[in-house]
């Protein structure tokens, strides 16, 4: 199948979403990028948007319906994580079963015609965009940040300085086990005194 790389990318992206959500606390859900400014989504609204928009894209554009409500009955951090993990897991299984003819077939993307493969690429980009916003909010909250793609300031800084990639948990199962027990993330070493950006002179 020529589009296995997109299936694999969606598989890892869904893990990254849940991993970032695990870095927040329930008390963070009402927080916005700028307090009192409703133009910036709160953490809660970001979670709602991820669940609702992905459900709509898959159902309306790709014909993939997981037959479940997109939002959890109780809108807590952990329940959002469970809901999204379950629903995205079902979508992943459907994508794995699709052949090349489906990926190359046309569908409606809002008011234009695009291939299913094109829509999945845009969906992955959409998810990554919002996940980046949420990781910026973790920094605004003063939180440590585990790896999501590669090294962070808390795992050792820059890739060129051989900083390691350190995920919060080794698997989704470990993540849920740990978070349901109050949190058991892998400890972070910090920057170790090394520069954590390419322009360290700009750091205060």
Protein backbone atom coordinates (compact mmCIF):
# COMPACT_ATOMS: atom_id res chain seq x y z
CA UNK A 1 0.00 0.00 0.00
CA UNK A 2 1.49 3.31 -1.13
CA UNK A 3 -0.02 5.31 1.70
CA UNK A 4 1.22 3.32 4.68
CA UNK A 5 3.39 6.29 5.64
CA UNK A 6 0.26 8.37 6.23
CA UNK A 7 -1.25 5.65 8.40
CA UNK A 8 1.97 5.49 10.42
CA UNK A 9 2.03 9.28 10.74
CA UNK A 10 -1.56 9.40 11.98
CA UNK A 11 -0.73 6.63 14.45
CA UNK A 12 2.12 8.62 15.98
CA UNK A 13 0.25 11.93 15.85
CA UNK A 14 -2.59 10.59 17.98
CA UNK A 15 -0.05 9.47 20.58
CA UNK A 16 1.52 12.94 20.56
CA UNK A 17 -1.86 14.57 21.20
CA UNK A 18 -2.55 12.43 24.26
CA UNK A 19 1.04 12.89 25.47
CA UNK A 20 0.77 16.69 25.40
CA UNK A 21 -2.58 16.58 27.19
CA UNK A 22 -0.96 14.46 29.90
CA UNK A 23 1.42 17.35 30.66
CA UNK A 24 -1.46 19.59 31.77
CA UNK A 25 -3.34 19.52 35.06
CA UNK A 26 -7.11 19.77 35.50
CA UNK A 27 -6.67 23.23 37.00
CA UNK A 28 -5.14 24.35 33.68
CA UNK A 29 -8.26 23.73 31.60
CA UNK A 30 -9.71 27.27 31.88
CA UNK A 31 -6.35 28.93 31.12
CA UNK A 32 -6.06 31.05 27.96
CA UNK A 33 -2.90 32.36 26.28
CA UNK A 34 -3.87 35.84 27.48
CA UNK A 35 -6.17 36.02 30.48
CA UNK A 36 -9.53 37.57 29.69
CA UNK A 37 -9.03 37.47 25.92
CA UNK A 38 -11.53 34.97 24.44
CA UNK A 39 -9.82 35.04 21.04
CA UNK A 40 -7.25 32.55 22.29
CA UNK A 41 -8.65 29.10 23.02
CA UNK A 42 -8.36 27.82 26.57
CA UNK A 43 -6.77 24.43 27.19
CA UNK A 44 -10.29 23.05 27.61
CA UNK A 45 -11.44 24.56 24.33
CA UNK A 46 -8.38 23.13 22.56
CA UNK A 47 -9.31 19.64 23.74
CA UNK A 48 -12.92 20.12 22.66
CA UNK A 49 -11.81 21.43 19.27
CA UNK A 50 -9.47 18.50 18.67
CA UNK A 51 -12.15 15.93 19.45
CA UNK A 52 -15.01 17.65 17.63
CA UNK A 53 -13.13 18.78 14.53
CA UNK A 54 -11.46 15.42 13.98
CA UNK A 55 -14.81 13.67 14.31
CA UNK A 56 -16.35 16.05 11.75
CA UNK A 57 -13.48 15.76 9.26
CA UNK A 58 -13.44 11.97 9.36
CA UNK A 59 -17.22 11.57 9.16
CA UNK A 60 -18.03 14.26 6.61
CA UNK A 61 -14.94 14.21 4.40
CA UNK A 62 -13.67 10.64 4.70
CA UNK A 63 -16.80 8.66 5.50
CA UNK A 64 -15.28 7.21 8.68
CA UNK A 65 -17.70 7.20 11.61
CA UNK A 66 -16.64 5.63 14.91
CA UNK A 67 -20.25 5.74 16.16
CA UNK A 68 -19.37 7.41 19.42
CA UNK A 69 -19.90 10.88 20.87
CA UNK A 70 -16.79 12.97 20.19
CA UNK A 71 -16.70 14.42 23.70
CA UNK A 72 -16.46 12.64 27.06
CA UNK A 73 -19.45 12.66 29.39
CA UNK A 74 -17.28 14.36 32.02
CA UNK A 75 -14.94 16.94 30.53
CA UNK A 76 -11.84 16.42 32.64
CA UNK A 77 -8.31 16.15 31.31
CA UNK A 78 -8.10 12.38 31.79
CA UNK A 79 -11.54 11.76 30.28
CA UNK A 80 -10.64 13.82 27.21
CA UNK A 81 -7.50 11.71 26.85
CA UNK A 82 -9.46 8.47 27.09
CA UNK A 83 -12.13 9.62 24.63
CA UNK A 84 -9.66 10.81 22.03
CA UNK A 85 -7.42 7.76 22.37
CA UNK A 86 -10.37 5.40 21.90
CA UNK A 87 -11.91 7.21 18.94
CA UNK A 88 -8.65 7.89 17.13
CA UNK A 89 -7.69 4.25 17.63
CA UNK A 90 -10.83 3.18 15.80
CA UNK A 91 -10.08 5.61 12.97
CA UNK A 92 -6.57 4.21 12.75
CA UNK A 93 -7.88 0.68 12.24
CA UNK A 94 -10.14 1.85 9.41
CA UNK A 95 -7.27 3.69 7.73
CA UNK A 96 -5.11 0.56 7.93
CA UNK A 97 -7.75 -1.36 5.99
CA UNK A 98 -8.11 1.16 3.15
CA UNK A 99 -6.50 0.37 -0.20
CA UNK A 100 -4.80 2.74 -2.63
CA UNK A 101 -7.98 3.34 -4.61
CA UNK A 102 -9.65 4.83 -1.52
CA UNK A 103 -6.68 7.05 -0.71
CA UNK A 104 -6.62 8.36 -4.28
CA UNK A 105 -10.39 8.82 -4.59
CA UNK A 106 -11.88 12.31 -4.52
CA UNK A 107 -13.88 13.69 -1.64
CA UNK A 108 -15.23 17.09 -0.68
CA UNK A 109 -12.95 19.26 1.43
CA UNK A 110 -15.27 22.07 2.49
CA UNK A 111 -16.12 23.63 -0.89
CA UNK A 112 -13.41 22.02 -3.04
CA UNK A 113 -12.61 18.52 -4.30
CA UNK A 114 -9.49 16.79 -2.97
CA UNK A 115 -8.19 13.23 -2.60
CA UNK A 116 -8.62 11.37 0.68
CA UNK A 117 -4.83 11.28 1.01
CA UNK A 118 -4.71 15.07 0.68
CA UNK A 119 -7.35 15.45 3.40
CA UNK A 120 -5.41 13.21 5.79
CA UNK A 121 -2.26 15.27 5.23
CA UNK A 122 -4.19 18.43 6.04
CA UNK A 123 -5.76 16.79 9.09
CA UNK A 124 -2.36 15.81 10.45
CA UNK A 125 -1.08 19.36 9.86
CA UNK A 126 -4.17 20.79 11.57
CA UNK A 127 -3.61 18.61 14.63
CA UNK A 128 0.10 19.46 14.81
CA UNK A 129 -0.71 23.18 14.56
CA UNK A 130 -2.98 23.10 17.59
CA UNK A 131 -0.66 20.82 19.53
CA UNK A 132 2.10 23.38 19.07
CA UNK A 133 -0.18 26.04 20.54
CA UNK A 134 -0.79 23.84 23.55
CA UNK A 135 2.92 23.19 24.07
CA UNK A 136 3.48 26.96 24.06
CA UNK A 137 0.82 27.21 26.76
CA UNK A 138 2.70 24.66 28.86
CA UNK A 139 5.67 27.03 28.77
CA UNK A 140 3.43 29.96 29.73
CA UNK A 141 2.35 27.90 32.73
CA UNK A 142 5.98 27.30 33.66
CA UNK A 143 5.80 23.54 33.10
CA UNK A 144 8.54 21.15 32.11
CA UNK A 145 7.98 19.66 28.65
CA UNK A 146 8.90 16.15 27.58
CA UNK A 147 9.77 15.30 24.00
CA UNK A 148 7.02 15.31 21.42
CA UNK A 149 9.17 15.09 18.28
CA UNK A 150 12.71 15.51 19.56
CA UNK A 151 14.68 17.17 22.35
CA UNK A 152 13.25 20.02 24.43
CA UNK A 153 14.90 22.50 26.78
CA UNK A 154 14.06 20.08 29.59
CA UNK A 155 15.53 16.97 27.97
CA UNK A 156 18.90 18.60 27.35
CA UNK A 157 18.43 21.40 24.85
CA UNK A 158 19.51 21.34 21.23
CA UNK A 159 19.79 18.35 18.93
CA UNK A 160 23.20 19.54 17.71
CA UNK A 161 24.42 19.27 21.30
CA UNK A 162 23.25 15.65 21.30
CA UNK A 163 20.37 16.30 23.68
CA UNK A 164 18.28 13.15 24.06
CA UNK A 165 14.67 12.59 23.12
CA UNK A 166 12.81 11.70 26.31
CA UNK A 167 9.13 10.82 26.14
CA UNK A 168 6.95 11.12 29.23
CA UNK A 169 5.90 7.47 28.92
CA UNK A 170 7.11 4.52 26.82
CA UNK A 171 3.61 3.62 25.56
CA UNK A 172 -0.02 4.70 25.64
CA UNK A 173 -0.81 1.95 28.12
CA UNK A 174 1.95 3.16 30.43
CA UNK A 175 0.67 6.71 30.01
CA UNK A 176 -2.86 5.86 31.09
CA UNK A 177 -1.67 3.62 33.91
CA UNK A 178 0.60 6.38 35.17
CA UNK A 179 -1.87 9.23 34.83
CA UNK A 180 -4.68 7.29 36.50
CA UNK A 181 -2.30 6.73 39.39
CA UNK A 182 -1.51 10.41 39.73
CA UNK A 183 1.35 10.67 37.23
CA UNK A 184 4.52 8.66 36.70
CA UNK A 185 6.36 10.51 33.95
CA UNK A 186 10.00 9.85 33.14
CA UNK A 187 12.20 12.36 35.04
CA UNK A 188 13.78 15.13 32.99
CA UNK A 189 17.46 16.11 33.25
CA UNK A 190 17.08 19.78 32.29
CA UNK A 191 19.41 21.73 30.04
CA UNK A 192 22.54 21.01 32.03
CA UNK A 193 23.78 24.55 31.54
CA UNK A 194 23.89 24.24 27.76
CA UNK A 195 22.11 26.58 25.37
CA UNK A 196 18.53 25.54 24.70
CA UNK A 197 17.99 27.75 21.63
CA UNK A 198 20.04 28.75 18.59
CA UNK A 199 20.14 32.34 19.91
CA UNK A 200 21.16 31.98 23.57
CA UNK A 201 22.10 35.67 23.73
CA UNK A 202 18.36 36.45 23.50
CA UNK A 203 17.62 34.54 26.70
CA UNK A 204 16.89 36.57 29.81
